[in-house]
Amino acid sequence: HIPLFSAWIDKKDSSYYNKRNIPYEFKLLYRSSQDGFNAASFHRNCYNPLDWSGSHGYKNTADSFLFNLTDGNNISTARLGYVIKASHAVFCCNNQGPSIPKKFTVENFEIFQVIKK
């Protein structure tokens, strides 16, 4: 799935990259089922160039996105969401983990640091 994730980052067509020309390294920082589903584990393991500590509040970025795979073995089940309002893209607070709406359930989630090669 890495070529597809790379295309999403660069906002390219899904077939733009293949296994030989991926411009990024993906470093797994956090897996909720392994590291714990709580704010302390999330902040201990995750990297955020926008700031986790300090004053909490919304951070401005147009570069973030979320995706969901309902079936990890079938990439066609992927859904992608880009930032709509950059000024409210990420809410940073050092005593809270990721916020998930009450009507949305998740069994496991992973956070990756994306490093340009």
N, C-alpha and C. Protein backbone atom coordinates (compact mmCIF):
# COMPACT_ATOMS: atom_id res chain seq x y z
N HIS A 1 0.80 -1.21 0.00
CA HIS A 1 0.00 0.00 0.00
C HIS A 1 0.85 1.28 0.00
N ILE A 2 2.15 1.14 0.20
CA ILE A 2 3.04 2.30 0.32
C ILE A 2 3.04 3.17 -0.94
N PRO A 3 3.05 2.61 -2.15
CA PRO A 3 2.97 3.49 -3.33
C PRO A 3 1.70 4.35 -3.33
N LEU A 4 0.58 3.79 -2.92
CA LEU A 4 -0.67 4.54 -2.86
C LEU A 4 -0.59 5.64 -1.81
N PHE A 5 -0.06 5.33 -0.63
CA PHE A 5 0.07 6.34 0.43
C PHE A 5 0.96 7.48 -0.04
N SER A 6 2.03 7.16 -0.75
CA SER A 6 2.94 8.19 -1.28
C SER A 6 2.22 9.09 -2.28
N ALA A 7 1.39 8.50 -3.11
CA ALA A 7 0.62 9.29 -4.08
C ALA A 7 -0.36 10.21 -3.35
N TRP A 8 -0.98 9.73 -2.30
CA TRP A 8 -1.89 10.57 -1.52
C TRP A 8 -1.15 11.76 -0.92
N ILE A 9 0.03 11.52 -0.38
CA ILE A 9 0.82 12.60 0.23
C ILE A 9 1.10 13.69 -0.79
N ASP A 10 1.49 13.28 -1.98
CA ASP A 10 1.84 14.24 -3.03
C ASP A 10 0.65 14.67 -3.88
N LYS A 11 -0.53 14.17 -3.52
CA LYS A 11 -1.77 14.49 -4.25
C LYS A 11 -1.64 14.18 -5.74
N LYS A 12 -1.12 12.98 -5.99
CA LYS A 12 -0.95 12.47 -7.35
C LYS A 12 -1.97 11.38 -7.61
N ASP A 13 -2.08 10.98 -8.86
CA ASP A 13 -2.92 9.86 -9.24
C ASP A 13 -2.43 8.61 -8.50
N SER A 14 -3.34 7.72 -8.16
CA SER A 14 -3.00 6.54 -7.36
C SER A 14 -1.96 5.63 -8.01
N SER A 15 -1.79 5.70 -9.31
CA SER A 15 -0.81 4.85 -10.00
C SER A 15 0.52 5.57 -10.25
N TYR A 16 0.70 6.77 -9.71
CA TYR A 16 1.89 7.57 -9.98
C TYR A 16 3.18 6.89 -9.50
N TYR A 17 3.15 6.26 -8.33
CA TYR A 17 4.33 5.60 -7.77
C TYR A 17 4.19 4.09 -7.87
N ASN A 18 5.34 3.42 -7.89
CA ASN A 18 5.38 1.97 -7.78
C ASN A 18 6.42 1.62 -6.72
N LYS A 19 6.66 0.36 -6.48
CA LYS A 19 7.57 -0.05 -5.40
C LYS A 19 9.00 0.43 -5.60
N ARG A 20 9.39 0.78 -6.82
CA ARG A 20 10.77 1.19 -7.10
C ARG A 20 11.00 2.69 -6.99
N ASN A 21 9.97 3.51 -7.00
CA ASN A 21 10.19 4.95 -7.00
C ASN A 21 9.49 5.68 -5.85
N ILE A 22 9.31 5.02 -4.74
CA ILE A 22 8.66 5.63 -3.57
C ILE A 22 9.61 6.66 -2.96
N PRO A 23 9.18 7.91 -2.83
CA PRO A 23 10.07 8.97 -2.33
C PRO A 23 10.08 9.11 -0.80
N TYR A 24 9.41 8.21 -0.09
CA TYR A 24 9.29 8.35 1.36
C TYR A 24 9.63 7.06 2.09
N GLU A 25 10.05 7.24 3.32
CA GLU A 25 10.19 6.14 4.26
C GLU A 25 9.06 6.31 5.27
N PHE A 26 8.40 5.22 5.64
CA PHE A 26 7.31 5.26 6.60
C PHE A 26 7.76 4.55 7.87
N LYS A 27 7.86 5.30 8.96
CA LYS A 27 8.32 4.76 10.23
C LYS A 27 7.13 4.64 11.17
N LEU A 28 6.80 3.41 11.54
CA LEU A 28 5.68 3.18 12.46
C LEU A 28 6.04 3.72 13.84
N LEU A 29 5.25 4.65 14.34
CA LEU A 29 5.49 5.25 15.65
C LEU A 29 4.56 4.71 16.72
N TYR A 30 3.35 4.36 16.31
CA TYR A 30 2.33 4.01 17.31
C TYR A 30 1.31 3.07 16.70
N ARG A 31 1.01 2.02 17.44
CA ARG A 31 -0.08 1.10 17.08
C ARG A 31 -0.93 0.93 18.34
N SER A 32 -2.16 1.36 18.28
CA SER A 32 -3.00 1.40 19.49
C SER A 32 -3.15 0.04 20.15
N SER A 33 -3.26 -1.02 19.38
CA SER A 33 -3.43 -2.35 19.96
C SER A 33 -2.17 -2.85 20.66
N GLN A 34 -1.04 -2.30 20.32
CA GLN A 34 0.24 -2.72 20.89
C GLN A 34 0.73 -1.75 21.97
N ASP A 35 0.56 -0.45 21.73
CA ASP A 35 1.14 0.57 22.61
C ASP A 35 0.17 1.11 23.65
N GLY A 36 -1.10 0.81 23.51
CA GLY A 36 -2.10 1.30 24.45
C GLY A 36 -2.99 2.35 23.81
N PHE A 37 -4.24 2.30 24.14
CA PHE A 37 -5.23 3.21 23.56
C PHE A 37 -5.50 4.33 24.57
N ASN A 38 -4.45 5.14 24.86
CA ASN A 38 -4.60 6.22 25.82
C ASN A 38 -3.70 7.39 25.43
N ALA A 39 -3.99 8.56 26.00
CA ALA A 39 -3.27 9.79 25.63
C ALA A 39 -1.78 9.71 25.95
N ALA A 40 -1.42 9.14 27.11
CA ALA A 40 -0.01 9.08 27.50
C ALA A 40 0.81 8.26 26.49
N SER A 41 0.32 7.11 26.10
CA SER A 41 1.03 6.28 25.11
C SER A 41 1.11 6.97 23.76
N PHE A 42 0.01 7.58 23.38
CA PHE A 42 -0.04 8.29 22.10
C PHE A 42 1.03 9.38 22.06
N HIS A 43 1.11 10.23 23.08
CA HIS A 43 2.07 11.33 23.08
C HIS A 43 3.50 10.87 23.29
N ARG A 44 3.71 9.79 24.02
CA ARG A 44 5.05 9.25 24.23
C ARG A 44 5.65 8.74 22.91
N ASN A 45 4.82 8.19 22.07
CA ASN A 45 5.30 7.54 20.85
C ASN A 45 5.21 8.39 19.58
N CYS A 46 4.31 9.33 19.55
CA CYS A 46 4.02 10.02 18.29
C CYS A 46 4.82 11.29 18.11
N TYR A 47 5.13 11.54 16.88
CA TYR A 47 5.84 12.74 16.45
C TYR A 47 4.83 13.67 15.80
N ASN A 48 4.93 14.94 16.12
CA ASN A 48 4.06 15.93 15.49
C ASN A 48 4.84 17.22 15.32
N PRO A 49 5.19 17.61 14.11
CA PRO A 49 5.95 18.84 13.91
C PRO A 49 5.17 20.10 14.26
N LEU A 50 3.86 19.97 14.49
CA LEU A 50 3.03 21.13 14.82
C LEU A 50 3.01 21.43 16.31
N ASP A 51 3.43 20.47 17.18
CA ASP A 51 3.51 20.68 18.62
C ASP A 51 2.44 19.89 19.36
N TRP A 52 2.85 19.08 20.31
CA TRP A 52 1.91 18.40 21.21
C TRP A 52 1.83 19.13 22.53
N SER A 53 2.95 19.70 22.96
CA SER A 53 2.98 20.36 24.27
C SER A 53 2.74 21.85 24.10
N GLY A 54 2.93 22.58 25.17
CA GLY A 54 2.71 24.01 25.09
C GLY A 54 1.23 24.32 25.09
N SER A 55 0.87 25.46 24.55
CA SER A 55 -0.53 25.86 24.55
C SER A 55 -1.33 24.97 23.60
N HIS A 56 -2.43 24.47 24.09
CA HIS A 56 -3.25 23.62 23.23
C HIS A 56 -4.14 24.48 22.35
N GLY A 57 -4.52 23.91 21.25
CA GLY A 57 -5.38 24.61 20.32
C GLY A 57 -5.20 24.08 18.92
N TYR A 58 -5.88 24.68 17.99
CA TYR A 58 -5.81 24.25 16.60
C TYR A 58 -4.51 24.72 15.96
N LYS A 59 -3.95 23.88 15.11
CA LYS A 59 -2.74 24.19 14.37
C LYS A 59 -3.08 24.22 12.88
N ASN A 60 -2.39 25.08 12.18
CA ASN A 60 -2.67 25.33 10.77
C ASN A 60 -1.80 24.45 9.88
N THR A 61 -2.42 23.67 9.03
CA THR A 61 -1.69 22.90 8.02
C THR A 61 -2.67 22.45 6.93
N ALA A 62 -2.17 22.38 5.73
CA ALA A 62 -2.96 21.81 4.63
C ALA A 62 -2.39 20.45 4.23
N ASP A 63 -1.36 20.00 4.95
CA ASP A 63 -0.63 18.79 4.55
C ASP A 63 -1.10 17.52 5.24
N SER A 64 -1.99 17.58 6.17
CA SER A 64 -2.45 16.39 6.88
C SER A 64 -3.59 15.70 6.13
N PHE A 65 -3.73 14.41 6.37
CA PHE A 65 -4.87 13.67 5.84
C PHE A 65 -5.11 12.44 6.69
N LEU A 66 -6.29 11.91 6.60
CA LEU A 66 -6.66 10.67 7.27
C LEU A 66 -7.13 9.69 6.22
N PHE A 67 -6.94 8.41 6.51
CA PHE A 67 -7.51 7.40 5.63
C PHE A 67 -8.00 6.23 6.46
N ASN A 68 -8.87 5.47 5.87
CA ASN A 68 -9.46 4.32 6.53
C ASN A 68 -9.46 3.16 5.54
N LEU A 69 -9.02 2.01 6.01
CA LEU A 69 -9.10 0.78 5.23
C LEU A 69 -10.06 -0.14 5.97
N THR A 70 -11.21 -0.42 5.38
CA THR A 70 -12.14 -1.33 6.05
C THR A 70 -11.68 -2.77 5.91
N ASP A 71 -10.88 -3.05 4.89
CA ASP A 71 -10.29 -4.37 4.70
C ASP A 71 -8.84 -4.15 4.28
N GLY A 72 -7.90 -4.39 5.19
CA GLY A 72 -6.49 -4.16 4.93
C GLY A 72 -5.93 -4.97 3.77
N ASN A 73 -6.61 -6.02 3.37
CA ASN A 73 -6.16 -6.84 2.25
C ASN A 73 -6.73 -6.37 0.92
N ASN A 74 -7.61 -5.38 0.96
CA ASN A 74 -8.26 -4.91 -0.26
C ASN A 74 -8.16 -3.39 -0.32
N ILE A 75 -7.20 -2.89 -1.07
CA ILE A 75 -6.94 -1.45 -1.13
C ILE A 75 -8.12 -0.66 -1.70
N SER A 76 -9.00 -1.32 -2.43
CA SER A 76 -10.15 -0.61 -2.99
C SER A 76 -11.14 -0.18 -1.91
N THR A 77 -10.98 -0.69 -0.68
CA THR A 77 -11.85 -0.27 0.43
C THR A 77 -11.34 1.00 1.11
N ALA A 78 -10.24 1.55 0.63
CA ALA A 78 -9.65 2.74 1.24
C ALA A 78 -10.51 3.97 1.00
N ARG A 79 -10.62 4.77 2.04
CA ARG A 79 -11.29 6.08 1.95
C ARG A 79 -10.30 7.12 2.45
N LEU A 80 -10.25 8.23 1.77
CA LEU A 80 -9.25 9.26 2.04
C LEU A 80 -9.93 10.59 2.31
N GLY A 81 -9.41 11.31 3.28
CA GLY A 81 -9.93 12.64 3.57
C GLY A 81 -8.81 13.64 3.77
N TYR A 82 -8.81 14.69 2.96
CA TYR A 82 -7.82 15.77 3.09
C TYR A 82 -8.39 16.87 3.97
N VAL A 83 -7.52 17.74 4.41
CA VAL A 83 -7.91 18.90 5.22
C VAL A 83 -8.82 19.81 4.40
N ILE A 84 -9.92 20.22 5.00
CA ILE A 84 -10.84 21.16 4.35
C ILE A 84 -10.57 22.58 4.83
N LYS A 85 -10.38 22.73 6.13
CA LYS A 85 -10.14 24.05 6.72
C LYS A 85 -8.76 24.02 7.40
N ALA A 86 -7.74 24.54 6.73
CA ALA A 86 -6.36 24.45 7.21
C ALA A 86 -6.17 25.02 8.61
N SER A 87 -6.90 26.05 8.96
CA SER A 87 -6.74 26.67 10.27
C SER A 87 -7.25 25.79 11.42
N HIS A 88 -8.00 24.75 11.10
CA HIS A 88 -8.51 23.83 12.11
C HIS A 88 -8.17 22.37 11.76
N ALA A 89 -7.02 22.17 11.15
CA ALA A 89 -6.65 20.84 10.67
C ALA A 89 -6.31 19.88 11.80
N VAL A 90 -5.58 20.34 12.80
CA VAL A 90 -5.11 19.48 13.88
C VAL A 90 -5.31 20.21 15.20
N PHE A 91 -5.91 19.51 16.17
CA PHE A 91 -6.05 20.08 17.51
C PHE A 91 -4.99 19.44 18.38
N CYS A 92 -4.10 20.23 18.92
CA CYS A 92 -3.00 19.73 19.74
C CYS A 92 -3.24 20.03 21.21
N CYS A 93 -3.10 18.99 22.01
CA CYS A 93 -3.26 19.13 23.46
C CYS A 93 -2.46 18.01 24.10
N ASN A 94 -1.59 18.36 25.06
CA ASN A 94 -0.69 17.36 25.61
C ASN A 94 -1.35 16.36 26.55
N ASN A 95 -2.58 16.57 26.97
CA ASN A 95 -3.23 15.59 27.85
C ASN A 95 -4.39 14.86 27.18
N GLN A 96 -4.49 14.95 25.87
CA GLN A 96 -5.53 14.23 25.12
C GLN A 96 -4.89 13.50 23.95
N GLY A 97 -5.43 12.34 23.65
CA GLY A 97 -5.00 11.61 22.47
C GLY A 97 -5.84 12.04 21.29
N PRO A 98 -5.84 11.27 20.23
CA PRO A 98 -6.64 11.63 19.06
C PRO A 98 -8.13 11.61 19.41
N SER A 99 -8.84 12.57 18.89
CA SER A 99 -10.29 12.66 19.14
C SER A 99 -11.03 11.92 18.04
N ILE A 100 -11.91 11.04 18.45
CA ILE A 100 -12.69 10.25 17.51
C ILE A 100 -14.16 10.49 17.84
N PRO A 101 -14.97 10.88 16.86
CA PRO A 101 -16.39 11.13 17.12
C PRO A 101 -17.08 9.91 17.74
N LYS A 102 -18.09 10.15 18.55
CA LYS A 102 -18.78 9.07 19.27
C LYS A 102 -19.43 8.06 18.34
N LYS A 103 -19.85 8.47 17.16
CA LYS A 103 -20.51 7.55 16.24
C LYS A 103 -19.52 6.75 15.40
N PHE A 104 -18.25 6.96 15.64
CA PHE A 104 -17.20 6.29 14.87
C PHE A 104 -16.45 5.36 15.80
N THR A 105 -16.32 4.10 15.43
CA THR A 105 -15.56 3.17 16.25
C THR A 105 -14.34 2.70 15.47
N VAL A 106 -13.29 2.42 16.20
CA VAL A 106 -12.06 1.96 15.59
C VAL A 106 -11.49 0.83 16.44
N GLU A 107 -11.06 -0.24 15.80
CA GLU A 107 -10.47 -1.36 16.51
C GLU A 107 -8.99 -1.13 16.77
N ASN A 108 -8.33 -0.52 15.82
CA ASN A 108 -6.89 -0.31 15.91
C ASN A 108 -6.53 0.85 14.99
N PHE A 109 -5.54 1.63 15.38
CA PHE A 109 -5.04 2.64 14.45
C PHE A 109 -3.54 2.77 14.60
N GLU A 110 -2.92 3.23 13.55
CA GLU A 110 -1.47 3.36 13.50
C GLU A 110 -1.09 4.78 13.09
N ILE A 111 0.03 5.24 13.64
CA ILE A 111 0.58 6.55 13.31
C ILE A 111 1.96 6.32 12.72
N PHE A 112 2.21 6.92 11.56
CA PHE A 112 3.50 6.81 10.91
C PHE A 112 4.16 8.17 10.78
N GLN A 113 5.46 8.21 10.94
CA GLN A 113 6.23 9.39 10.57
C GLN A 113 6.63 9.19 9.12
N VAL A 114 6.41 10.18 8.30
CA VAL A 114 6.75 10.11 6.88
C VAL A 114 8.02 10.92 6.67
N ILE A 115 9.05 10.25 6.18
CA ILE A 115 10.36 10.88 6.01
C ILE A 115 10.72 10.88 4.53
N LYS A 116 11.00 12.06 4.00
CA LYS A 116 11.40 12.18 2.59
C LYS A 116 12.78 11.56 2.42
N LYS A 117 12.93 10.69 1.41
CA LYS A 117 14.22 10.04 1.15
C LYS A 117 15.21 11.01 0.55
